[in-house]
């Protein structure tokens, strides 16, 4: 599926999503404890209509975990995932049917990913993504400074951004020793703690009064940092320690 050809999944896809969520939920429960410790969104559910859900990224398990959190909060997230997932002979056909959106990083097709996400939001869907754009390289697993795609998408569509903090996911699946770690986790299940923040009106932060008003790059960068600061604060609260970089770890600090 090319990013620009996204179509809303039908009833069969909804049933497949429910089946996959149930199956993967059982697997996740066998190797971890997913704890939604604080629900700040109204009625403990995600808002109806178009919404952008963003989360910090510490593990290969994050996509599954975020999708399960979305289901617990009443929505089937259309995740934006790296193009490599879609090229997998086993997983690719499934995620296409579920309405996930491929992200071709570093290619001319990358902008089409935002077009596809905007189409999904226009259809009233909930889109999930990781604003860092990759698993954090910080040795202590703090979130990196975000890219601006989520904010640009929110400005374009008017959809609110809901920040979701995940702490402990790296204990479920790490970068190495994946099989051994999963086997160990069936005995000593690690906790994955989750908090869900309140919806953020990005257009208000940017001072945009109406749709279609152009926003300069400096404002987009500022708002992206402000949104990431909310997410980092949630992570710090769960970890019960101050974040060394309140708006995300900058590239320079990663290479230091």
C-alpha atoms as a PDB file:
ATOM      1  CA  UNK A   1       0.000   0.000   0.000  1.00  0.00           C
ATOM      2  CA  UNK A   2       1.374   3.390  -0.960  1.00  0.00           C
ATOM      3  CA  UNK A   3       0.967   6.037   1.758  1.00  0.00           C
ATOM      4  CA  UNK A   4      -1.312   8.150  -0.449  1.00  0.00           C
ATOM      5  CA  UNK A   5      -3.844   5.354  -1.026  1.00  0.00           C
ATOM      6  CA  UNK A   6      -5.109   4.880   2.541  1.00  0.00           C
ATOM      7  CA  UNK A   7      -8.687   3.678   2.778  1.00  0.00           C
ATOM      8  CA  UNK A   8     -10.849   3.253   5.842  1.00  0.00           C
ATOM      9  CA  UNK A   9     -10.936  -0.408   6.943  1.00  0.00           C
ATOM     10  CA  UNK A  10     -14.278  -2.182   6.725  1.00  0.00           C
ATOM     11  CA  UNK A  11     -16.135  -4.595   8.995  1.00  0.00           C
ATOM     12  CA  UNK A  12     -13.820  -7.530   8.294  1.00  0.00           C
ATOM     13  CA  UNK A  13     -10.826  -5.418   9.245  1.00  0.00           C
ATOM     14  CA  UNK A  14     -12.596  -4.359  12.445  1.00  0.00           C
ATOM     15  CA  UNK A  15     -13.137  -8.004  13.337  1.00  0.00           C
ATOM     16  CA  UNK A  16      -9.516  -8.770  12.483  1.00  0.00           C
ATOM     17  CA  UNK A  17      -8.374  -5.904  14.701  1.00  0.00           C
ATOM     18  CA  UNK A  18     -10.475  -7.234  17.585  1.00  0.00           C
ATOM     19  CA  UNK A  19      -9.102 -10.751  17.098  1.00  0.00           C
ATOM     20  CA  UNK A  20      -5.492  -9.546  16.820  1.00  0.00           C
ATOM     21  CA  UNK A  21      -5.884  -7.323  19.888  1.00  0.00           C
ATOM     22  CA  UNK A  22      -7.276 -10.222  21.886  1.00  0.00           C
ATOM     23  CA  UNK A  23      -4.524 -12.568  20.771  1.00  0.00           C
ATOM     24  CA  UNK A  24      -1.691 -10.105  21.292  1.00  0.00           C
ATOM     25  CA  UNK A  25      -3.236  -8.968  24.553  1.00  0.00           C
ATOM     26  CA  UNK A  26      -2.966 -12.531  25.820  1.00  0.00           C
ATOM     27  CA  UNK A  27       0.655 -12.745  24.707  1.00  0.00           C
ATOM     28  CA  UNK A  28       1.515  -9.395  26.283  1.00  0.00           C
ATOM     29  CA  UNK A  29      -0.188 -10.455  29.520  1.00  0.00           C
ATOM     30  CA  UNK A  30       1.992 -13.564  29.573  1.00  0.00           C
ATOM     31  CA  UNK A  31       5.251 -11.597  29.400  1.00  0.00           C
ATOM     32  CA  UNK A  32       4.403  -8.273  31.086  1.00  0.00           C
ATOM     33  CA  UNK A  33       1.941  -6.375  33.265  1.00  0.00           C
ATOM     34  CA  UNK A  34       0.377  -3.473  31.400  1.00  0.00           C
ATOM     35  CA  UNK A  35      -0.821  -1.019  34.037  1.00  0.00           C
ATOM     36  CA  UNK A  36      -2.856   2.026  33.079  1.00  0.00           C
ATOM     37  CA  UNK A  37      -2.148   3.881  36.280  1.00  0.00           C
ATOM     38  CA  UNK A  38      -3.828   7.243  35.657  1.00  0.00           C
ATOM     39  CA  UNK A  39      -6.468   8.216  33.158  1.00  0.00           C
ATOM     40  CA  UNK A  40      -6.731  11.938  32.585  1.00  0.00           C
ATOM     41  CA  UNK A  41      -8.917  11.877  29.484  1.00  0.00           C
ATOM     42  CA  UNK A  42     -12.671  12.383  29.967  1.00  0.00           C
ATOM     43  CA  UNK A  43     -14.579   9.250  31.007  1.00  0.00           C
ATOM     44  CA  UNK A  44     -11.303   7.282  30.889  1.00  0.00           C
ATOM     45  CA  UNK A  45     -11.610   7.013  27.103  1.00  0.00           C
ATOM     46  CA  UNK A  46     -10.034   8.695  24.132  1.00  0.00           C
ATOM     47  CA  UNK A  47     -12.114  11.458  22.525  1.00  0.00           C
ATOM     48  CA  UNK A  48     -14.503  10.559  19.731  1.00  0.00           C
ATOM     49  CA  UNK A  49     -13.674  11.616  16.190  1.00  0.00           C
ATOM     50  CA  UNK A  50     -10.235  12.425  14.812  1.00  0.00           C
ATOM     51  CA  UNK A  51      -7.452  12.256  17.385  1.00  0.00           C
ATOM     52  CA  UNK A  52      -3.665  11.878  17.253  1.00  0.00           C
ATOM     53  CA  UNK A  53      -2.138   9.675  19.956  1.00  0.00           C
ATOM     54  CA  UNK A  54       1.592  10.125  20.563  1.00  0.00           C
ATOM     55  CA  UNK A  55       3.875   8.062  22.809  1.00  0.00           C
ATOM     56  CA  UNK A  56       7.514   7.835  23.788  1.00  0.00           C
ATOM     57  CA  UNK A  57       9.521   5.056  22.136  1.00  0.00           C
ATOM     58  CA  UNK A  58      11.854   2.729  24.053  1.00  0.00           C
ATOM     59  CA  UNK A  59      11.158  -0.749  22.647  1.00  0.00           C
ATOM     60  CA  UNK A  60      10.176  -2.805  19.619  1.00  0.00           C
ATOM     61  CA  UNK A  61       7.103  -3.736  21.669  1.00  0.00           C
ATOM     62  CA  UNK A  62       5.793  -0.158  21.785  1.00  0.00           C
ATOM     63  CA  UNK A  63       3.549  -0.442  18.717  1.00  0.00           C
ATOM     64  CA  UNK A  64       1.693  -3.429  20.142  1.00  0.00           C
ATOM     65  CA  UNK A  65       1.504  -1.852  23.593  1.00  0.00           C
ATOM     66  CA  UNK A  66       0.165   1.445  22.240  1.00  0.00           C
ATOM     67  CA  UNK A  67      -2.455  -0.358  20.158  1.00  0.00           C
ATOM     68  CA  UNK A  68      -3.586  -2.284  23.253  1.00  0.00           C
ATOM     69  CA  UNK A  69      -3.787   0.937  25.277  1.00  0.00           C
ATOM     70  CA  UNK A  70      -5.923   2.428  22.509  1.00  0.00           C
ATOM     71  CA  UNK A  71      -8.294  -0.543  22.669  1.00  0.00           C
ATOM     72  CA  UNK A  72      -8.574  -0.201  26.446  1.00  0.00           C
ATOM     73  CA  UNK A  73      -9.523   3.429  25.894  1.00  0.00           C
ATOM     74  CA  UNK A  74     -12.149   2.611  23.297  1.00  0.00           C
ATOM     75  CA  UNK A  75     -10.342   3.258  19.997  1.00  0.00           C
ATOM     76  CA  UNK A  76      -8.622   1.145  17.340  1.00  0.00           C
ATOM     77  CA  UNK A  77      -5.503   3.129  16.525  1.00  0.00           C
ATOM     78  CA  UNK A  78      -4.228   3.353  12.949  1.00  0.00           C
ATOM     79  CA  UNK A  79      -0.540   3.289  13.754  1.00  0.00           C
ATOM     80  CA  UNK A  80       2.076   4.982  11.616  1.00  0.00           C
ATOM     81  CA  UNK A  81       4.800   2.337  11.288  1.00  0.00           C
ATOM     82  CA  UNK A  82       8.126   2.070   9.527  1.00  0.00           C
ATOM     83  CA  UNK A  83       7.963   0.805   5.955  1.00  0.00           C
ATOM     84  CA  UNK A  84       9.942  -2.286   6.929  1.00  0.00           C
ATOM     85  CA  UNK A  85       6.941  -3.614   8.838  1.00  0.00           C
ATOM     86  CA  UNK A  86       4.861  -3.484   5.662  1.00  0.00           C
ATOM     87  CA  UNK A  87       7.510  -5.341   3.664  1.00  0.00           C
ATOM     88  CA  UNK A  88       7.324  -8.322   6.019  1.00  0.00           C
ATOM     89  CA  UNK A  89       5.653 -11.270   4.321  1.00  0.00           C
ATOM     90  CA  UNK A  90       4.055 -12.317   7.604  1.00  0.00           C
ATOM     91  CA  UNK A  91       3.062  -9.016   9.201  1.00  0.00           C
ATOM     92  CA  UNK A  92       2.698  -6.725   6.182  1.00  0.00           C
ATOM     93  CA  UNK A  93      -0.651  -8.010   4.855  1.00  0.00           C
ATOM     94  CA  UNK A  94      -2.162  -7.879   8.343  1.00  0.00           C
ATOM     95  CA  UNK A  95      -1.183  -4.309   9.174  1.00  0.00           C
ATOM     96  CA  UNK A  96      -2.393  -3.166   5.759  1.00  0.00           C
ATOM     97  CA  UNK A  97      -5.813  -4.668   6.465  1.00  0.00           C
ATOM     98  CA  UNK A  98      -5.842  -2.959   9.857  1.00  0.00           C
ATOM     99  CA  UNK A  99      -5.387   0.445   8.238  1.00  0.00           C
ATOM    100  CA  UNK A 100      -1.892   1.103   9.542  1.00  0.00           C
ATOM    101  CA  UNK A 101       0.076   3.766   7.694  1.00  0.00           C
ATOM    102  CA  UNK A 102       3.586   3.154   6.295  1.00  0.00           C
ATOM    103  CA  UNK A 103       6.255   5.747   6.975  1.00  0.00           C
ATOM    104  CA  UNK A 104       9.061   5.757   4.383  1.00  0.00           C
ATOM    105  CA  UNK A 105      11.675   7.669   6.342  1.00  0.00           C
ATOM    106  CA  UNK A 106      14.295   9.551   4.403  1.00  0.00           C
ATOM    107  CA  UNK A 107      12.567   9.074   1.038  1.00  0.00           C
ATOM    108  CA  UNK A 108      10.501  11.229  -1.296  1.00  0.00           C
ATOM    109  CA  UNK A 109       7.432   9.248  -0.158  1.00  0.00           C
ATOM    110  CA  UNK A 110       7.774  10.397   3.457  1.00  0.00           C
ATOM    111  CA  UNK A 111       5.436  13.374   2.969  1.00  0.00           C
ATOM    112  CA  UNK A 112       2.790  10.981   1.645  1.00  0.00           C
ATOM    113  CA  UNK A 113       2.635   9.391   5.088  1.00  0.00           C
ATOM    114  CA  UNK A 114       1.217  12.609   6.516  1.00  0.00           C
ATOM    115  CA  UNK A 115      -1.241  12.781   3.599  1.00  0.00           C
ATOM    116  CA  UNK A 116      -2.437   9.257   4.447  1.00  0.00           C
ATOM    117  CA  UNK A 117      -2.697  10.105   8.148  1.00  0.00           C
ATOM    118  CA  UNK A 118      -4.673  13.261   7.287  1.00  0.00           C
ATOM    119  CA  UNK A 119      -7.045  11.132   5.195  1.00  0.00           C
ATOM    120  CA  UNK A 120      -7.523   8.749   8.116  1.00  0.00           C
ATOM    121  CA  UNK A 121      -8.224  11.643  10.487  1.00  0.00           C
ATOM    122  CA  UNK A 122     -10.698  13.146   8.032  1.00  0.00           C
ATOM    123  CA  UNK A 123     -12.533   9.816   8.226  1.00  0.00           C
ATOM    124  CA  UNK A 124     -12.784  10.218  12.000  1.00  0.00           C
ATOM    125  CA  UNK A 125     -10.022   7.757  12.872  1.00  0.00           C
ATOM    126  CA  UNK A 126      -7.536   7.760  15.742  1.00  0.00           C
ATOM    127  CA  UNK A 127      -3.936   7.808  14.458  1.00  0.00           C
ATOM    128  CA  UNK A 128      -1.065   6.675  16.652  1.00  0.00           C
ATOM    129  CA  UNK A 129       2.583   7.600  16.189  1.00  0.00           C
ATOM    130  CA  UNK A 130       5.916   8.030  17.941  1.00  0.00           C
ATOM    131  CA  UNK A 131       7.050  11.647  17.561  1.00  0.00           C
ATOM    132  CA  UNK A 132      10.724  10.796  18.183  1.00  0.00           C
ATOM    133  CA  UNK A 133      10.694   8.880  14.892  1.00  0.00           C
ATOM    134  CA  UNK A 134      12.795   6.034  16.306  1.00  0.00           C
ATOM    135  CA  UNK A 135      13.535   4.117  19.494  1.00  0.00           C
ATOM    136  CA  UNK A 136      15.375   6.483  21.816  1.00  0.00           C
ATOM    137  CA  UNK A 137      19.155   6.241  21.733  1.00  0.00           C
ATOM    138  CA  UNK A 138      19.426   7.673  25.245  1.00  0.00           C
ATOM    139  CA  UNK A 139      21.140   5.111  27.522  1.00  0.00           C
ATOM    140  CA  UNK A 140      18.673   5.891  30.314  1.00  0.00           C
ATOM    141  CA  UNK A 141      15.667   5.545  27.965  1.00  0.00           C
ATOM    142  CA  UNK A 142      14.514   9.161  28.258  1.00  0.00           C
ATOM    143  CA  UNK A 143      12.549  10.463  25.250  1.00  0.00           C
ATOM    144  CA  UNK A 144      14.516  12.248  22.548  1.00  0.00           C
ATOM    145  CA  UNK A 145      13.506  15.644  21.215  1.00  0.00           C
ATOM    146  CA  UNK A 146      10.574  15.100  18.893  1.00  0.00           C
ATOM    147  CA  UNK A 147      10.284  15.637  15.191  1.00  0.00           C
ATOM    148  CA  UNK A 148       7.543  17.961  13.993  1.00  0.00           C
ATOM    149  CA  UNK A 149       5.296  15.578  12.024  1.00  0.00           C
ATOM    150  CA  UNK A 150       2.648  15.105  14.717  1.00  0.00           C
ATOM    151  CA  UNK A 151       2.256  18.851  15.225  1.00  0.00           C
ATOM    152  CA  UNK A 152       2.123  19.543  11.485  1.00  0.00           C
ATOM    153  CA  UNK A 153      -0.565  16.876  11.185  1.00  0.00           C
ATOM    154  CA  UNK A 154      -2.556  18.402  14.065  1.00  0.00           C
ATOM    155  CA  UNK A 155      -2.301  21.907  12.597  1.00  0.00           C
ATOM    156  CA  UNK A 156      -3.407  20.611   9.220  1.00  0.00           C
ATOM    157  CA  UNK A 157      -6.413  18.629  10.488  1.00  0.00           C
ATOM    158  CA  UNK A 158      -7.401  20.289  13.750  1.00  0.00           C
ATOM    159  CA  UNK A 159      -7.234  16.933  15.535  1.00  0.00           C
ATOM    160  CA  UNK A 160      -6.168  17.091  19.190  1.00  0.00           C
ATOM    161  CA  UNK A 161      -3.008  15.335  20.353  1.00  0.00           C
ATOM    162  CA  UNK A 162      -3.268  12.933  23.300  1.00  0.00           C
ATOM    163  CA  UNK A 163       0.107  12.093  24.909  1.00  0.00           C
ATOM    164  CA  UNK A 164       0.651   8.569  26.246  1.00  0.00           C
ATOM    165  CA  UNK A 165       3.682   7.761  28.411  1.00  0.00           C
ATOM    166  CA  UNK A 166       5.016   4.190  28.436  1.00  0.00           C
ATOM    167  CA  UNK A 167       7.599   3.254  31.085  1.00  0.00           C
ATOM    168  CA  UNK A 168       9.140  -0.209  31.280  1.00  0.00           C
ATOM    169  CA  UNK A 169       8.539  -1.377  27.707  1.00  0.00           C
ATOM    170  CA  UNK A 170      12.279  -1.871  27.158  1.00  0.00           C
ATOM    171  CA  UNK A 171      12.113  -4.635  29.778  1.00  0.00           C
ATOM    172  CA  UNK A 172       9.627  -6.544  27.603  1.00  0.00           C
ATOM    173  CA  UNK A 173      11.640  -6.490  24.380  1.00  0.00           C
ATOM    174  CA  UNK A 174      15.146  -5.047  24.222  1.00  0.00           C
ATOM    175  CA  UNK A 175      17.532  -4.476  21.345  1.00  0.00           C
ATOM    176  CA  UNK A 176      19.332  -7.801  21.920  1.00  0.00           C
ATOM    177  CA  UNK A 177      18.566 -11.162  23.524  1.00  0.00           C
ATOM    178  CA  UNK A 178      14.907 -10.917  22.567  1.00  0.00           C
ATOM    179  CA  UNK A 179      14.022 -14.608  22.864  1.00  0.00           C
ATOM    180  CA  UNK A 180      15.833 -15.071  26.164  1.00  0.00           C
ATOM    181  CA  UNK A 181      14.237 -11.960  27.619  1.00  0.00           C
ATOM    182  CA  UNK A 182      10.741 -13.062  26.612  1.00  0.00           C
ATOM    183  CA  UNK A 183      11.276 -16.498  28.168  1.00  0.00           C
ATOM    184  CA  UNK A 184      12.474 -14.884  31.391  1.00  0.00           C
ATOM    185  CA  UNK A 185       9.498 -12.549  31.360  1.00  0.00           C
ATOM    186  CA  UNK A 186       7.046 -15.450  31.486  1.00  0.00           C
ATOM    187  CA  UNK A 187       8.333 -16.053  35.026  1.00  0.00           C
ATOM    188  CA  UNK A 188       9.207 -12.518  36.145  1.00  0.00           C
ATOM    189  CA  UNK A 189       6.763 -10.309  34.278  1.00  0.00           C
ATOM    190  CA  UNK A 190       7.998  -6.697  34.082  1.00  0.00           C
ATOM    191  CA  UNK A 191       5.621  -3.832  34.712  1.00  0.00           C
ATOM    192  CA  UNK A 192       4.776  -1.463  31.875  1.00  0.00           C
ATOM    193  CA  UNK A 193       3.224   1.611  33.431  1.00  0.00           C
ATOM    194  CA  UNK A 194       1.066   3.910  31.337  1.00  0.00           C
ATOM    195  CA  UNK A 195      -0.396   7.360  31.762  1.00  0.00           C
ATOM    196  CA  UNK A 196      -2.733   9.100  29.342  1.00  0.00           C
ATOM    197  CA  UNK A 197      -2.705  12.874  29.224  1.00  0.00           C
ATOM    198  CA  UNK A 198      -5.485  15.280  28.390  1.00  0.00           C
ATOM    199  CA  UNK A 199      -6.057  16.271  24.744  1.00  0.00           C
ATOM    200  CA  UNK A 200      -3.855  19.137  23.551  1.00  0.00           C
ATOM    201  CA  UNK A 201      -5.258  21.779  21.193  1.00  0.00           C
ATOM    202  CA  UNK A 202      -2.240  22.385  18.964  1.00  0.00           C
ATOM    203  CA  UNK A 203      -3.854  25.188  16.969  1.00  0.00           C
ATOM    204  CA  UNK A 204      -4.422  27.101  20.192  1.00  0.00           C
ATOM    205  CA  UNK A 205      -0.765  26.654  21.189  1.00  0.00           C
ATOM    206  CA  UNK A 206       0.276  27.936  17.771  1.00  0.00           C
ATOM    207  CA  UNK A 207      -2.103  30.900  17.968  1.00  0.00           C
ATOM    208  CA  UNK A 208      -4.011  29.794  14.874  1.00  0.00           C
ATOM    209  CA  UNK A 209      -7.596  31.029  14.853  1.00  0.00           C
ATOM    210  CA  UNK A 210      -8.837  29.237  11.745  1.00  0.00           C
ATOM    211  CA  UNK A 211      -7.945  26.270   9.497  1.00  0.00           C
ATOM    212  CA  UNK A 212      -5.635  26.951   6.589  1.00  0.00           C
ATOM    213  CA  UNK A 213      -3.694  29.733   8.268  1.00  0.00           C
ATOM    214  CA  UNK A 214       0.008  29.203   7.471  1.00  0.00           C
ATOM    215  CA  UNK A 215       2.313  28.565  10.422  1.00  0.00           C
ATOM    216  CA  UNK A 216       6.024  29.296  10.160  1.00  0.00           C
ATOM    217  CA  UNK A 217       8.636  26.642  10.901  1.00  0.00           C
ATOM    218  CA  UNK A 218       9.812  28.352  14.091  1.00  0.00           C
ATOM    219  CA  UNK A 219       6.303  28.202  15.548  1.00  0.00           C
ATOM    220  CA  UNK A 220       5.911  24.570  14.536  1.00  0.00           C
ATOM    221  CA  UNK A 221       9.208  23.760  16.257  1.00  0.00           C
ATOM    222  CA  UNK A 222       8.166  25.637  19.400  1.00  0.00           C
ATOM    223  CA  UNK A 223       4.814  23.868  19.612  1.00  0.00           C
ATOM    224  CA  UNK A 224       6.420  20.473  18.971  1.00  0.00           C
ATOM    225  CA  UNK A 225       8.741  21.122  21.913  1.00  0.00           C
ATOM    226  CA  UNK A 226       5.807  22.168  24.110  1.00  0.00           C
ATOM    227  CA  UNK A 227       3.853  19.023  23.261  1.00  0.00           C
ATOM    228  CA  UNK A 228       6.919  16.874  23.885  1.00  0.00           C
ATOM    229  CA  UNK A 229       7.427  18.603  27.237  1.00  0.00           C
ATOM    230  CA  UNK A 230       4.002  17.342  28.334  1.00  0.00           C
ATOM    231  CA  UNK A 231       4.921  13.791  27.317  1.00  0.00           C
ATOM    232  CA  UNK A 232       8.344  13.963  28.987  1.00  0.00           C
ATOM    233  CA  UNK A 233       6.697  15.248  32.190  1.00  0.00           C
ATOM    234  CA  UNK A 234       4.388  12.225  32.182  1.00  0.00           C
ATOM    235  CA  UNK A 235       7.358   9.890  31.755  1.00  0.00           C
ATOM    236  CA  UNK A 236       9.197  11.651  34.594  1.00  0.00           C
ATOM    237  CA  UNK A 237       6.136  11.336  36.835  1.00  0.00           C
ATOM    238  CA  UNK A 238       5.924   7.605  36.213  1.00  0.00           C
ATOM    239  CA  UNK A 239       9.642   7.189  36.814  1.00  0.00           C
ATOM    240  CA  UNK A 240       9.450   9.426  39.898  1.00  0.00           C
ATOM    241  CA  UNK A 241      12.583  11.318  38.898  1.00  0.00           C
ATOM    242  CA  UNK A 242      13.275  14.606  37.110  1.00  0.00           C
ATOM    243  CA  UNK A 243      13.879  14.507  33.379  1.00  0.00           C
ATOM    244  CA  UNK A 244      17.418  15.638  32.472  1.00  0.00           C
ATOM    245  CA  UNK A 245      16.022  17.295  29.328  1.00  0.00           C
ATOM    246  CA  UNK A 246      12.414  18.480  29.925  1.00  0.00           C
ATOM    247  CA  UNK A 247      11.679  18.832  26.189  1.00  0.00           C
ATOM    248  CA  UNK A 248      13.448  15.658  25.095  1.00  0.00           C
ATOM    249  CA  UNK A 249      17.090  14.692  24.788  1.00  0.00           C
ATOM    250  CA  UNK A 250      18.702  16.792  22.030  1.00  0.00           C
ATOM    251  CA  UNK A 251      20.878  15.156  19.373  1.00  0.00           C
ATOM    252  CA  UNK A 252      24.007  16.764  20.798  1.00  0.00           C
ATOM    253  CA  UNK A 253      23.465  15.167  24.201  1.00  0.00           C
ATOM    254  CA  UNK A 254      23.030  11.749  22.601  1.00  0.00           C
ATOM    255  CA  UNK A 255      26.410  11.939  20.889  1.00  0.00           C
ATOM    256  CA  UNK A 256      28.201  13.399  23.896  1.00  0.00           C
END
